[in-house]
N, C-alpha and C. Protein backbone atom coordinates (compact mmCIF):
# COMPACT_ATOMS: atom_id res chain seq x y z
N MET A 1 7.79 -17.56 11.35
CA MET A 1 8.30 -18.87 11.02
C MET A 1 9.82 -18.83 11.13
N ALA A 2 10.37 -19.85 11.63
CA ALA A 2 11.82 -19.94 11.82
C ALA A 2 12.53 -20.30 10.52
N ALA A 3 13.83 -20.01 10.46
CA ALA A 3 14.64 -20.36 9.29
C ALA A 3 14.71 -21.87 9.15
N LEU A 4 14.98 -22.33 7.92
CA LEU A 4 15.10 -23.76 7.66
C LEU A 4 16.23 -24.40 8.44
N THR A 5 16.00 -25.63 8.84
CA THR A 5 17.05 -26.43 9.47
C THR A 5 17.23 -27.74 8.72
N ALA A 6 16.48 -27.86 7.59
CA ALA A 6 16.56 -29.05 6.73
C ALA A 6 16.11 -28.65 5.34
N ASP A 7 16.31 -29.55 4.38
CA ASP A 7 15.87 -29.30 3.02
C ASP A 7 14.36 -29.09 2.99
N ARG A 8 13.91 -28.33 2.00
CA ARG A 8 12.49 -28.03 1.86
C ARG A 8 12.11 -28.14 0.39
N ASN A 9 10.98 -28.76 0.10
CA ASN A 9 10.45 -28.81 -1.25
C ASN A 9 9.54 -27.59 -1.42
N THR A 10 10.12 -26.48 -1.85
CA THR A 10 9.37 -25.23 -1.99
C THR A 10 8.48 -25.29 -3.23
N PRO A 11 7.16 -25.07 -3.06
CA PRO A 11 6.25 -25.12 -4.21
C PRO A 11 6.60 -24.06 -5.25
N ARG A 12 6.34 -24.40 -6.51
CA ARG A 12 6.61 -23.48 -7.61
C ARG A 12 5.35 -23.30 -8.43
N PHE A 13 5.09 -22.08 -8.86
CA PHE A 13 3.94 -21.78 -9.71
C PHE A 13 4.29 -22.16 -11.13
N GLU A 14 3.55 -23.06 -11.72
CA GLU A 14 3.81 -23.53 -13.08
C GLU A 14 2.91 -22.82 -14.10
N GLY A 15 3.42 -22.63 -15.30
CA GLY A 15 2.61 -22.07 -16.38
C GLY A 15 2.49 -20.57 -16.31
N ASP A 16 1.85 -20.02 -17.33
CA ASP A 16 1.74 -18.57 -17.40
C ASP A 16 0.30 -18.08 -17.30
N ILE A 17 -0.64 -18.97 -17.05
CA ILE A 17 -2.02 -18.53 -16.85
C ILE A 17 -2.24 -18.30 -15.36
N ARG A 18 -2.78 -17.14 -15.07
CA ARG A 18 -3.10 -16.77 -13.69
C ARG A 18 -4.62 -16.77 -13.55
N GLN A 19 -5.08 -16.71 -12.31
CA GLN A 19 -6.51 -16.67 -12.05
C GLN A 19 -6.77 -15.71 -10.92
N GLY A 20 -7.85 -14.96 -11.01
CA GLY A 20 -8.19 -14.03 -9.94
C GLY A 20 -9.69 -13.88 -9.79
N ASP A 21 -10.09 -13.41 -8.61
CA ASP A 21 -11.50 -13.14 -8.34
C ASP A 21 -11.96 -11.95 -9.17
N VAL A 22 -13.17 -12.05 -9.69
CA VAL A 22 -13.75 -10.97 -10.48
C VAL A 22 -14.54 -10.06 -9.55
N ALA A 23 -14.41 -8.75 -9.76
CA ALA A 23 -15.12 -7.76 -8.96
C ALA A 23 -16.63 -7.90 -9.16
N ALA A 24 -17.39 -7.37 -8.22
CA ALA A 24 -18.85 -7.37 -8.31
C ALA A 24 -19.29 -6.57 -9.53
N SER A 25 -20.42 -6.95 -10.09
CA SER A 25 -21.05 -6.22 -11.20
C SER A 25 -20.09 -6.00 -12.36
N THR A 26 -19.34 -7.04 -12.72
CA THR A 26 -18.31 -6.92 -13.75
C THR A 26 -18.49 -7.99 -14.83
N LEU A 27 -18.37 -7.56 -16.08
CA LEU A 27 -18.36 -8.46 -17.23
C LEU A 27 -17.02 -8.28 -17.93
N ILE A 28 -16.25 -9.36 -18.01
CA ILE A 28 -14.95 -9.33 -18.68
C ILE A 28 -15.06 -10.20 -19.93
N TYR A 29 -14.75 -9.63 -21.08
CA TYR A 29 -14.78 -10.37 -22.34
C TYR A 29 -13.43 -11.05 -22.59
N ALA A 30 -13.47 -12.21 -23.21
CA ALA A 30 -12.23 -12.89 -23.62
C ALA A 30 -11.45 -11.94 -24.52
N GLY A 31 -10.16 -11.85 -24.29
CA GLY A 31 -9.30 -10.97 -25.08
C GLY A 31 -9.18 -9.56 -24.54
N ALA A 32 -9.93 -9.26 -23.49
CA ALA A 32 -9.93 -7.90 -22.93
C ALA A 32 -8.69 -7.63 -22.09
N LEU A 33 -8.33 -6.39 -22.00
CA LEU A 33 -7.33 -5.92 -21.05
C LEU A 33 -7.93 -6.09 -19.65
N VAL A 34 -7.21 -6.80 -18.77
CA VAL A 34 -7.70 -7.05 -17.42
C VAL A 34 -6.84 -6.27 -16.43
N MET A 35 -7.51 -5.69 -15.44
CA MET A 35 -6.82 -4.89 -14.43
C MET A 35 -7.22 -5.37 -13.04
N ARG A 36 -6.38 -5.06 -12.06
CA ARG A 36 -6.69 -5.39 -10.67
C ARG A 36 -7.08 -4.11 -9.94
N ASP A 37 -8.16 -4.19 -9.16
CA ASP A 37 -8.58 -3.01 -8.40
C ASP A 37 -7.90 -2.99 -7.02
N ALA A 38 -8.17 -1.97 -6.25
CA ALA A 38 -7.52 -1.79 -4.95
C ALA A 38 -7.87 -2.89 -3.96
N SER A 39 -8.96 -3.60 -4.20
CA SER A 39 -9.35 -4.72 -3.33
C SER A 39 -8.75 -6.04 -3.78
N GLY A 40 -8.01 -6.02 -4.90
CA GLY A 40 -7.38 -7.23 -5.41
C GLY A 40 -8.24 -8.01 -6.39
N ASN A 41 -9.41 -7.48 -6.73
CA ASN A 41 -10.29 -8.15 -7.68
C ASN A 41 -10.00 -7.71 -9.11
N LEU A 42 -10.37 -8.56 -10.07
CA LEU A 42 -10.16 -8.25 -11.48
C LEU A 42 -11.35 -7.49 -12.05
N VAL A 43 -11.03 -6.51 -12.90
CA VAL A 43 -12.03 -5.74 -13.64
C VAL A 43 -11.55 -5.61 -15.08
N GLU A 44 -12.45 -5.24 -15.96
CA GLU A 44 -12.06 -4.97 -17.34
C GLU A 44 -11.34 -3.63 -17.39
N GLY A 45 -10.47 -3.45 -18.39
CA GLY A 45 -9.79 -2.18 -18.57
C GLY A 45 -10.81 -1.07 -18.71
N GLN A 46 -10.52 0.07 -18.10
CA GLN A 46 -11.46 1.19 -18.09
C GLN A 46 -10.76 2.46 -17.66
N THR A 47 -11.39 3.59 -17.93
CA THR A 47 -10.90 4.86 -17.43
C THR A 47 -11.33 4.97 -15.98
N ALA A 48 -10.38 4.81 -15.08
CA ALA A 48 -10.62 4.87 -13.64
C ALA A 48 -9.25 4.93 -12.96
N THR A 49 -9.23 5.32 -11.72
CA THR A 49 -7.98 5.33 -10.96
C THR A 49 -7.96 4.16 -9.99
N GLY A 50 -6.78 3.86 -9.46
CA GLY A 50 -6.64 2.80 -8.47
C GLY A 50 -6.57 1.40 -9.05
N LEU A 51 -6.33 1.29 -10.35
CA LEU A 51 -6.24 0.00 -11.03
C LEU A 51 -4.83 -0.20 -11.56
N ILE A 52 -4.51 -1.44 -11.93
CA ILE A 52 -3.23 -1.73 -12.61
C ILE A 52 -3.44 -2.90 -13.56
N GLY A 53 -2.86 -2.79 -14.75
CA GLY A 53 -2.99 -3.85 -15.74
C GLY A 53 -2.28 -5.12 -15.30
N VAL A 54 -2.94 -6.28 -15.51
CA VAL A 54 -2.34 -7.56 -15.12
C VAL A 54 -2.21 -8.54 -16.27
N GLY A 55 -3.05 -8.42 -17.30
CA GLY A 55 -2.97 -9.38 -18.39
C GLY A 55 -4.15 -9.29 -19.34
N ARG A 56 -4.26 -10.32 -20.19
CA ARG A 56 -5.35 -10.44 -21.16
C ARG A 56 -6.28 -11.55 -20.69
N ALA A 57 -7.58 -11.30 -20.71
CA ALA A 57 -8.56 -12.31 -20.30
C ALA A 57 -8.52 -13.49 -21.25
N GLU A 58 -8.45 -14.68 -20.69
CA GLU A 58 -8.43 -15.91 -21.48
C GLU A 58 -9.83 -16.48 -21.67
N GLU A 59 -10.81 -15.85 -21.06
CA GLU A 59 -12.19 -16.34 -21.14
C GLU A 59 -13.14 -15.18 -20.85
N ARG A 60 -14.39 -15.39 -21.24
CA ARG A 60 -15.44 -14.42 -20.90
C ARG A 60 -16.01 -14.82 -19.55
N VAL A 61 -16.10 -13.84 -18.64
CA VAL A 61 -16.67 -14.09 -17.32
C VAL A 61 -17.70 -13.00 -17.03
N ASP A 62 -18.93 -13.43 -16.80
CA ASP A 62 -20.02 -12.49 -16.52
C ASP A 62 -20.41 -12.56 -15.05
N ASN A 63 -19.87 -11.65 -14.27
CA ASN A 63 -20.20 -11.54 -12.86
C ASN A 63 -21.04 -10.28 -12.64
N SER A 64 -21.78 -9.87 -13.68
CA SER A 64 -22.54 -8.62 -13.61
C SER A 64 -23.65 -8.66 -12.56
N ALA A 65 -24.11 -9.85 -12.19
CA ALA A 65 -25.14 -9.96 -11.17
C ALA A 65 -24.58 -10.52 -9.87
N GLY A 66 -23.26 -10.68 -9.81
CA GLY A 66 -22.65 -11.32 -8.64
C GLY A 66 -21.90 -10.37 -7.74
N SER A 67 -21.47 -10.92 -6.61
CA SER A 67 -20.63 -10.19 -5.66
C SER A 67 -19.16 -10.46 -5.99
N ALA A 68 -18.29 -9.64 -5.46
CA ALA A 68 -16.85 -9.82 -5.67
C ALA A 68 -16.44 -11.21 -5.22
N GLY A 69 -15.72 -11.92 -6.10
CA GLY A 69 -15.21 -13.24 -5.77
C GLY A 69 -16.17 -14.38 -6.06
N ASP A 70 -17.40 -14.08 -6.49
CA ASP A 70 -18.32 -15.16 -6.85
C ASP A 70 -17.78 -15.98 -8.02
N LEU A 71 -17.10 -15.30 -8.94
CA LEU A 71 -16.52 -15.97 -10.11
C LEU A 71 -15.04 -15.60 -10.21
N THR A 72 -14.29 -16.44 -10.91
CA THR A 72 -12.88 -16.15 -11.18
C THR A 72 -12.68 -16.04 -12.68
N CYS A 73 -11.57 -15.42 -13.05
CA CYS A 73 -11.23 -15.26 -14.46
C CYS A 73 -9.79 -15.69 -14.67
N ASP A 74 -9.55 -16.49 -15.71
CA ASP A 74 -8.19 -16.83 -16.12
C ASP A 74 -7.67 -15.68 -16.97
N TYR A 75 -6.45 -15.25 -16.69
CA TYR A 75 -5.81 -14.21 -17.50
C TYR A 75 -4.35 -14.59 -17.69
N ARG A 76 -3.74 -13.99 -18.71
CA ARG A 76 -2.35 -14.31 -19.03
C ARG A 76 -1.55 -13.03 -19.20
N PRO A 77 -0.47 -12.87 -18.41
CA PRO A 77 0.44 -11.76 -18.65
C PRO A 77 1.14 -11.98 -20.00
N GLY A 78 1.72 -10.95 -20.54
CA GLY A 78 2.45 -11.08 -21.80
C GLY A 78 2.39 -9.80 -22.60
N ILE A 79 2.73 -9.91 -23.88
CA ILE A 79 2.73 -8.75 -24.77
C ILE A 79 1.59 -8.92 -25.77
N TYR A 80 0.67 -7.96 -25.78
CA TYR A 80 -0.53 -8.03 -26.62
C TYR A 80 -0.75 -6.69 -27.33
N ARG A 81 -1.41 -6.76 -28.48
CA ARG A 81 -1.70 -5.53 -29.22
C ARG A 81 -3.10 -5.04 -28.89
N PHE A 82 -3.17 -3.78 -28.51
CA PHE A 82 -4.43 -3.12 -28.22
C PHE A 82 -4.58 -1.90 -29.12
N ALA A 83 -5.78 -1.37 -29.17
CA ALA A 83 -6.06 -0.19 -29.99
C ALA A 83 -5.34 1.02 -29.40
N ASN A 84 -4.93 1.91 -30.30
CA ASN A 84 -4.25 3.14 -29.91
C ASN A 84 -5.28 4.24 -29.71
N SER A 85 -5.05 5.09 -28.76
CA SER A 85 -5.89 6.26 -28.55
C SER A 85 -5.67 7.23 -29.71
N ALA A 86 -6.29 8.38 -29.65
CA ALA A 86 -6.21 9.33 -30.75
C ALA A 86 -5.77 10.70 -30.26
N ALA A 87 -5.54 11.57 -31.22
CA ALA A 87 -5.18 12.97 -30.97
C ALA A 87 -3.97 13.08 -30.05
N ALA A 88 -4.06 13.90 -29.02
CA ALA A 88 -2.92 14.15 -28.13
C ALA A 88 -2.53 12.92 -27.32
N ASP A 89 -3.41 11.93 -27.22
CA ASP A 89 -3.12 10.72 -26.46
C ASP A 89 -2.68 9.55 -27.33
N GLU A 90 -2.49 9.78 -28.61
CA GLU A 90 -2.03 8.71 -29.50
C GLU A 90 -0.58 8.35 -29.18
N ILE A 91 -0.32 7.08 -29.06
CA ILE A 91 1.02 6.58 -28.74
C ILE A 91 1.82 6.45 -30.03
N THR A 92 3.08 6.91 -30.01
CA THR A 92 3.97 6.80 -31.15
C THR A 92 5.20 5.97 -30.75
N LYS A 93 6.05 5.68 -31.71
CA LYS A 93 7.25 4.91 -31.40
C LYS A 93 8.17 5.65 -30.43
N ALA A 94 8.02 6.96 -30.29
CA ALA A 94 8.82 7.73 -29.33
C ALA A 94 8.49 7.34 -27.89
N GLU A 95 7.33 6.71 -27.67
CA GLU A 95 6.93 6.32 -26.31
C GLU A 95 7.29 4.87 -25.97
N ILE A 96 7.95 4.15 -26.87
CA ILE A 96 8.32 2.77 -26.58
C ILE A 96 9.15 2.75 -25.29
N GLY A 97 8.78 1.88 -24.37
CA GLY A 97 9.42 1.79 -23.06
C GLY A 97 8.69 2.54 -21.97
N ASP A 98 7.77 3.41 -22.34
CA ASP A 98 7.00 4.18 -21.36
C ASP A 98 5.79 3.38 -20.87
N VAL A 99 5.19 3.85 -19.81
CA VAL A 99 3.93 3.30 -19.31
C VAL A 99 2.81 3.85 -20.18
N CYS A 100 1.82 3.00 -20.50
CA CYS A 100 0.60 3.48 -21.16
C CYS A 100 -0.56 3.29 -20.20
N TYR A 101 -1.67 3.93 -20.50
CA TYR A 101 -2.80 3.99 -19.58
C TYR A 101 -4.07 3.46 -20.25
N ALA A 102 -4.91 2.80 -19.45
CA ALA A 102 -6.13 2.19 -19.97
C ALA A 102 -7.20 3.24 -20.24
N VAL A 103 -7.77 3.16 -21.43
CA VAL A 103 -8.93 3.97 -21.79
C VAL A 103 -10.19 3.11 -21.61
N ASP A 104 -10.12 1.88 -22.12
CA ASP A 104 -11.18 0.90 -21.95
C ASP A 104 -10.56 -0.48 -22.05
N ASP A 105 -11.36 -1.51 -22.27
CA ASP A 105 -10.82 -2.87 -22.25
C ASP A 105 -10.09 -3.28 -23.52
N GLN A 106 -9.95 -2.34 -24.48
CA GLN A 106 -9.19 -2.64 -25.69
C GLN A 106 -8.38 -1.46 -26.22
N THR A 107 -8.33 -0.36 -25.46
CA THR A 107 -7.66 0.85 -25.92
C THR A 107 -6.72 1.39 -24.85
N VAL A 108 -5.52 1.81 -25.29
CA VAL A 108 -4.55 2.42 -24.38
C VAL A 108 -4.16 3.80 -24.89
N ALA A 109 -3.68 4.63 -23.95
CA ALA A 109 -3.33 6.02 -24.25
C ALA A 109 -1.97 6.37 -23.70
N LYS A 110 -1.40 7.45 -24.23
CA LYS A 110 -0.08 7.93 -23.83
C LYS A 110 -0.08 8.55 -22.44
N THR A 111 -1.16 9.20 -22.03
CA THR A 111 -1.18 9.92 -20.75
C THR A 111 -2.22 9.35 -19.80
N ASP A 112 -2.14 9.80 -18.56
CA ASP A 112 -3.11 9.36 -17.56
C ASP A 112 -4.40 10.18 -17.59
N GLY A 113 -4.58 10.97 -18.65
CA GLY A 113 -5.82 11.72 -18.82
C GLY A 113 -6.10 12.67 -17.67
N THR A 114 -5.09 13.42 -17.26
CA THR A 114 -5.19 14.35 -16.13
C THR A 114 -5.62 13.60 -14.88
N SER A 115 -4.89 12.53 -14.58
CA SER A 115 -5.09 11.72 -13.38
C SER A 115 -6.45 11.02 -13.33
N THR A 116 -6.98 10.62 -14.49
CA THR A 116 -8.25 9.89 -14.53
C THR A 116 -8.08 8.44 -14.98
N ARG A 117 -6.87 8.09 -15.46
CA ARG A 117 -6.62 6.74 -15.96
C ARG A 117 -5.54 6.05 -15.15
N SER A 118 -5.63 4.72 -15.13
CA SER A 118 -4.64 3.89 -14.43
C SER A 118 -3.65 3.28 -15.41
N PRO A 119 -2.46 2.94 -14.92
CA PRO A 119 -1.45 2.33 -15.80
C PRO A 119 -1.89 0.93 -16.27
N ALA A 120 -1.77 0.72 -17.57
CA ALA A 120 -2.13 -0.58 -18.15
C ALA A 120 -0.92 -1.48 -18.28
N GLY A 121 0.18 -0.92 -18.79
CA GLY A 121 1.38 -1.72 -19.02
C GLY A 121 2.48 -0.87 -19.63
N LEU A 122 3.49 -1.56 -20.18
CA LEU A 122 4.63 -0.88 -20.79
C LEU A 122 4.56 -1.01 -22.30
N ILE A 123 4.84 0.08 -22.99
CA ILE A 123 4.76 0.10 -24.45
C ILE A 123 5.97 -0.62 -25.04
N GLU A 124 5.71 -1.68 -25.80
CA GLU A 124 6.76 -2.48 -26.43
C GLU A 124 6.94 -2.14 -27.90
N GLY A 125 5.89 -1.67 -28.55
CA GLY A 125 5.97 -1.35 -29.96
C GLY A 125 4.69 -0.69 -30.43
N VAL A 126 4.77 -0.07 -31.60
CA VAL A 126 3.62 0.60 -32.20
C VAL A 126 3.63 0.27 -33.68
N ASP A 127 2.47 -0.10 -34.22
CA ASP A 127 2.36 -0.32 -35.66
C ASP A 127 1.03 0.23 -36.15
N ALA A 128 0.74 0.04 -37.41
CA ALA A 128 -0.48 0.58 -38.00
C ALA A 128 -1.74 -0.02 -37.39
N ASN A 129 -1.62 -1.16 -36.73
CA ASN A 129 -2.79 -1.82 -36.16
C ASN A 129 -2.99 -1.55 -34.67
N GLY A 130 -2.03 -0.90 -34.04
CA GLY A 130 -2.20 -0.61 -32.62
C GLY A 130 -0.91 -0.54 -31.85
N VAL A 131 -1.02 -0.77 -30.55
CA VAL A 131 0.10 -0.65 -29.62
C VAL A 131 0.35 -2.00 -28.96
N TRP A 132 1.60 -2.44 -29.01
CA TRP A 132 2.00 -3.67 -28.34
C TRP A 132 2.34 -3.31 -26.90
N VAL A 133 1.62 -3.94 -25.96
CA VAL A 133 1.73 -3.59 -24.55
C VAL A 133 2.18 -4.81 -23.74
N ARG A 134 3.22 -4.63 -22.93
CA ARG A 134 3.66 -5.67 -22.01
C ARG A 134 2.80 -5.56 -20.75
N LEU A 135 2.01 -6.60 -20.50
CA LEU A 135 1.15 -6.65 -19.32
C LEU A 135 1.84 -7.50 -18.27
N ASP A 136 2.40 -6.84 -17.29
CA ASP A 136 3.11 -7.47 -16.18
C ASP A 136 2.89 -6.58 -14.97
N GLU A 137 2.10 -7.07 -14.03
CA GLU A 137 1.67 -6.25 -12.90
C GLU A 137 2.83 -5.65 -12.11
N ALA A 138 3.83 -6.45 -11.80
CA ALA A 138 4.95 -5.96 -11.00
C ALA A 138 5.78 -4.93 -11.75
N LEU A 139 6.08 -5.19 -13.02
CA LEU A 139 6.86 -4.23 -13.80
C LEU A 139 6.12 -2.92 -13.99
N THR A 140 4.83 -3.01 -14.27
CA THR A 140 4.03 -1.80 -14.47
C THR A 140 3.95 -0.98 -13.19
N ALA A 141 3.73 -1.65 -12.07
CA ALA A 141 3.65 -0.94 -10.80
C ALA A 141 4.96 -0.23 -10.49
N ALA A 142 6.07 -0.89 -10.74
CA ALA A 142 7.39 -0.29 -10.48
C ALA A 142 7.64 0.89 -11.40
N ALA A 143 7.29 0.75 -12.68
CA ALA A 143 7.53 1.82 -13.65
C ALA A 143 6.63 3.00 -13.41
N ALA A 144 5.43 2.77 -12.90
CA ALA A 144 4.47 3.84 -12.68
C ALA A 144 4.69 4.56 -11.35
N ALA A 145 5.50 3.97 -10.48
CA ALA A 145 5.71 4.56 -9.13
C ALA A 145 6.53 5.84 -9.20
């Protein structure tokens, strides 16, 4: 495409709710940690590689009997509290600013579990109830690179 030679009304994405195709054989619960797989489809947070955290599910979507893209899921980037892992993978305030890794759709850990977990997001805070995680796909990908 050639450079502009006149004014252009460039479209803008409004709001903070995003939507994506749900992977095949996937059930995402409302409130779950949502990740994108290597094919660009959404899956629930889980211990697996090749994923990246994108947001929190705004709805329950059951594509467990469907093919990839049969259903879509609304999700929202932002800062959300998830459960903290335990033992050597428990996140402390010393890890604030670091990348955390998905254990499941509601739990994050300090390490990648010897290269078995994918990055979920950035640690914003830790309290007695869990870990505050910034879910932003671009920031997480850059920090994890």
